[in-house]
Structure formats: structure tokens, C-alpha cells
Amino acid sequence: MNAIVLMLLLAQVPDELSGQIVTVRRVFVDRLTGGETAAQMRDLLISSLQNAKLFVLTENAERADAFLRGAAEDLVYTDAFSSSEGTNVRGAVGESSGTGRTRNSNSASLTVGDREALSIRERKHEALATVRLVNKDGDVIWSTTQESTGAKFRGASADVADKITKQLVADYERRRLK
């Protein structure tokens, strides 16, 4: 009987934590770990969250109800592909005979060649961020991972920031309506 009660209590803990998202009013966006582009991703996240008007964003961690933490990376690289195919056939036949001034000579030769090479270089841009909303006790109350190769009118990092914000707003609204 105690095991069943314990299981029910443990099942409610994540639900209770995720329900805390609707009580959050002020959020501090912490520095993101990752490469040099993590600082830019933080700024894009702040801008996107500010535009959503879901929380008051603060630069003062002491005033925050919750903290947005995580990691981000924005990579620009060149993807290269090369292939080469070729066919080559050669042949030769020769004969020579004779004595003195009389000589007979026959000869034949055949050469065929075909070669094809392909080289493709494509510039790619990808961004990825994994973030979590943490309450003052250090408990994770919300998290998401988003990635992008860019959108039609914005770069990969801005697209990831917008995806994170949209996911947070959707999850917030879903919890608010429960």
C-alpha cells in the first residue's frame, strides 16, 4: 500500500513542477554555454521572449522568479562531396620481319579513355539550443531543445530563438488552461 501512495506522489511531482510555469512573472536569462555564438543566441532569446510578453525579463538575477539556462551553438560550415570515375583501355600489336632490304611491318594500336569528376561544395548554417526554465529552488519546471538550418527570412539562430519562445508560450498556455 505504501508503494502505491509513493508512486502516486512521485507521479505528481513533475506535474506540480511544470504547473509552476504559470506562477512565474520575472525571468533572468542566464549566460548560455557553448561556442562564441552562445552570447548572440542569448540576446536573440531575450528579444524573442520580450516580444512574446509572457514574462518580465530582468537583468537582475536576484529579482527573478525563474532562470532560463542552457547551451547553444551556431555553426557555419562547408559540406564537401567529391567523386571520380574513369574508364581507360589501351592496346598495341606489332610485328616486324624481314632480311636485308626486304622488311615487312604490321602495327595496330587502340586507345579509349573516359573520365568524369564531380565536386560539390555547399555552405551550411545550423543552430541548436537546449534550454530549461529553473525555479529559485533549482528545480527544472520546463525544458526544450530546438534546432534549425535557417528560415526563409531569418538566420538559423533567430529561428531557434523563435521556436523556443513559441514552444514556451504554447506550454504556458496549455498549463494555464488546465
Protein backbone atom coordinates (compact mmCIF):
# COMPACT_ATOMS: atom_id res chain seq x y z
CA MET A 1 0.00 0.00 0.00
CA ASN A 2 2.81 2.45 0.84
CA ALA A 3 4.46 1.75 -2.50
CA ILE A 4 1.29 2.78 -4.36
CA VAL A 5 1.00 6.03 -2.40
CA LEU A 6 4.67 6.78 -3.04
CA MET A 7 4.26 6.12 -6.78
CA LEU A 8 1.27 8.47 -6.91
CA LEU A 9 3.18 11.19 -5.08
CA LEU A 10 6.19 10.80 -7.39
CA ALA A 11 3.93 10.93 -10.44
CA GLN A 12 2.57 14.29 -9.24
CA VAL A 13 6.00 15.90 -8.72
CA PRO A 14 6.75 16.55 -12.43
CA ASP A 15 3.18 17.75 -12.96
CA GLU A 16 3.46 20.06 -9.95
CA LEU A 17 6.79 21.42 -11.20
CA SER A 18 5.55 22.03 -14.75
CA GLY A 19 2.47 23.72 -13.27
CA GLN A 20 4.74 26.28 -11.62
CA ILE A 21 5.36 27.85 -15.02
CA VAL A 22 2.12 29.84 -14.76
CA THR A 23 3.26 31.41 -11.46
CA VAL A 24 6.47 32.78 -12.97
CA ARG A 25 6.39 36.55 -13.52
CA ARG A 26 10.03 37.62 -13.82
CA VAL A 27 12.75 35.69 -15.69
CA PHE A 28 16.52 36.12 -15.82
CA VAL A 29 18.12 34.71 -18.98
CA ASP A 30 21.45 33.31 -17.84
CA ARG A 31 24.56 33.02 -20.00
CA LEU A 32 24.36 30.06 -22.32
CA THR A 33 27.21 27.59 -22.57
CA GLY A 34 28.59 26.69 -25.97
CA GLY A 35 30.77 28.35 -28.52
CA GLU A 36 31.31 32.02 -29.23
CA THR A 37 27.84 32.27 -30.75
CA ALA A 38 26.08 31.35 -27.47
CA ALA A 39 26.13 35.01 -26.37
CA GLN A 40 24.39 36.01 -29.60
CA MET A 41 21.81 33.27 -29.09
CA ARG A 42 21.15 34.64 -25.57
CA ASP A 43 20.47 38.10 -27.00
CA LEU A 44 18.15 36.64 -29.64
CA LEU A 45 16.30 34.67 -26.95
CA ILE A 46 15.87 37.78 -24.81
CA SER A 47 14.48 39.70 -27.77
CA SER A 48 12.12 36.90 -28.77
CA LEU A 49 10.87 36.38 -25.19
CA GLN A 50 10.41 40.12 -24.74
CA ASN A 51 8.26 40.27 -27.88
CA ALA A 52 6.09 37.41 -26.57
CA LYS A 53 5.24 39.49 -23.47
CA LEU A 54 4.85 36.32 -21.39
CA PHE A 55 7.22 37.35 -18.60
CA VAL A 56 9.05 40.42 -17.40
CA LEU A 57 12.69 39.87 -18.35
CA THR A 58 15.24 41.15 -15.89
CA GLU A 59 19.00 41.66 -15.93
CA ASN A 60 18.99 41.41 -12.11
CA ALA A 61 19.15 37.71 -11.13
CA GLU A 62 18.15 38.49 -7.54
CA ARG A 63 14.75 39.79 -8.66
CA ALA A 64 13.92 36.78 -10.86
CA ASP A 65 11.29 34.13 -10.09
CA ALA A 66 12.93 31.76 -12.57
CA PHE A 67 16.07 31.42 -14.65
CA LEU A 68 16.43 30.38 -18.27
CA ARG A 69 19.64 28.36 -18.62
CA GLY A 70 21.11 26.10 -21.23
CA ALA A 71 23.50 25.69 -24.10
CA ALA A 72 23.54 26.92 -27.68
CA GLU A 73 25.67 26.56 -30.78
CA ASP A 74 25.52 28.19 -34.18
CA LEU A 75 27.67 26.54 -36.81
CA VAL A 76 28.57 27.67 -40.31
CA TYR A 77 30.49 25.09 -42.29
CA THR A 78 31.13 23.83 -45.79
CA ASP A 79 29.93 20.37 -46.71
CA ALA A 80 32.13 18.92 -49.45
CA PHE A 81 31.46 15.93 -51.70
CA SER A 82 33.80 14.65 -54.41
CA SER A 83 33.63 11.63 -56.67
CA SER A 84 35.60 10.46 -59.66
CA GLU A 85 35.01 7.71 -62.21
CA GLY A 86 37.07 6.66 -65.14
CA THR A 87 37.46 4.03 -67.86
CA ASN A 88 40.65 3.58 -69.82
CA VAL A 89 41.51 0.88 -72.38
CA ARG A 90 44.83 0.56 -74.26
CA GLY A 91 46.10 -1.95 -76.71
CA ALA A 92 49.00 -2.40 -79.10
CA VAL A 93 50.06 -5.06 -81.58
CA GLY A 94 53.23 -5.00 -83.63
CA GLU A 95 55.06 -7.37 -85.96
CA SER A 96 58.19 -6.91 -87.93
CA SER A 97 60.04 -9.39 -90.09
CA GLY A 98 62.43 -9.41 -92.96
CA THR A 99 66.00 -9.83 -94.13
CA GLY A 100 68.26 -7.42 -95.82
CA ARG A 101 66.40 -4.85 -97.80
CA THR A 102 63.09 -6.55 -97.56
CA ARG A 103 61.12 -5.79 -94.44
CA ASN A 104 57.51 -6.45 -93.54
CA SER A 105 55.98 -4.46 -90.75
CA ASN A 106 52.49 -4.53 -89.26
CA SER A 107 51.27 -2.49 -86.35
CA ALA A 108 47.97 -1.70 -84.58
CA SER A 109 47.08 0.47 -81.68
CA LEU A 110 43.88 1.23 -79.76
CA THR A 111 43.34 3.80 -77.02
CA VAL A 112 40.00 4.65 -75.39
CA GLY A 113 39.57 6.91 -72.37
CA ASP A 114 36.72 8.39 -70.37
CA ARG A 115 36.92 10.22 -67.07
CA GLU A 116 34.27 12.03 -65.07
CA ALA A 117 34.79 14.00 -61.87
CA LEU A 118 32.26 15.71 -59.63
CA SER A 119 32.95 18.14 -56.82
CA ILE A 120 30.20 19.82 -54.79
CA ARG A 121 30.80 22.34 -52.02
CA GLU A 122 27.79 23.63 -50.12
CA ARG A 123 27.80 26.23 -47.35
CA LYS A 124 25.54 25.19 -44.48
CA HIS A 125 24.30 27.00 -41.40
CA GLU A 126 22.83 25.18 -38.42
CA ALA A 127 21.87 26.30 -34.93
CA LEU A 128 20.87 24.29 -31.88
CA ALA A 129 19.80 25.29 -28.38
CA THR A 130 18.77 23.32 -25.33
CA VAL A 131 17.24 25.47 -22.61
CA ARG A 132 15.43 24.97 -19.34
CA LEU A 133 13.41 27.18 -17.02
CA VAL A 134 14.54 26.67 -13.42
CA ASN A 135 12.79 27.93 -10.28
CA LYS A 136 14.60 29.53 -7.33
CA ASP A 137 14.97 26.10 -5.66
CA GLY A 138 16.88 24.83 -8.69
CA ASP A 139 14.09 22.57 -9.94
CA VAL A 140 13.53 22.37 -13.70
CA ILE A 141 9.97 23.43 -14.46
CA TRP A 142 10.22 23.48 -18.26
CA SER A 143 12.72 22.49 -20.95
CA THR A 144 13.06 22.18 -24.70
CA THR A 145 15.59 21.51 -27.44
CA GLN A 146 15.24 23.27 -30.77
CA GLU A 147 17.34 23.26 -33.93
CA SER A 148 17.22 24.94 -37.31
CA THR A 149 19.03 25.25 -40.60
CA GLY A 150 17.54 28.70 -41.06
CA ALA A 151 14.20 30.00 -42.17
CA LYS A 152 13.10 31.80 -45.31
CA PHE A 153 13.67 35.31 -43.98
CA ARG A 154 15.93 34.84 -40.93
CA GLY A 155 19.05 33.01 -39.89
CA ALA A 156 19.30 29.74 -38.02
CA SER A 157 19.91 31.31 -34.58
CA ALA A 158 16.95 33.69 -34.84
CA ASP A 159 14.79 30.79 -35.98
CA VAL A 160 15.85 28.69 -32.97
CA ALA A 161 15.11 31.57 -30.57
CA ASP A 162 11.64 31.97 -32.07
CA LYS A 163 11.00 28.21 -31.89
CA ILE A 164 11.96 28.19 -28.21
CA THR A 165 9.66 31.13 -27.49
CA LYS A 166 6.75 29.56 -29.39
CA GLN A 167 7.21 26.28 -27.52
CA LEU A 168 7.34 28.11 -24.16
CA VAL A 169 4.21 30.14 -24.96
CA ALA A 170 2.32 27.01 -26.11
CA ASP A 171 3.31 25.04 -22.99
CA TYR A 172 2.47 28.03 -20.77
CA GLU A 173 -0.98 28.39 -22.32
CA ARG A 174 -1.64 24.65 -22.06
CA ARG A 175 -0.77 24.71 -18.33
CA ARG A 176 -2.77 27.90 -17.75
CA LEU A 177 -5.91 26.33 -19.22
CA LYS A 178 -5.67 23.20 -17.02
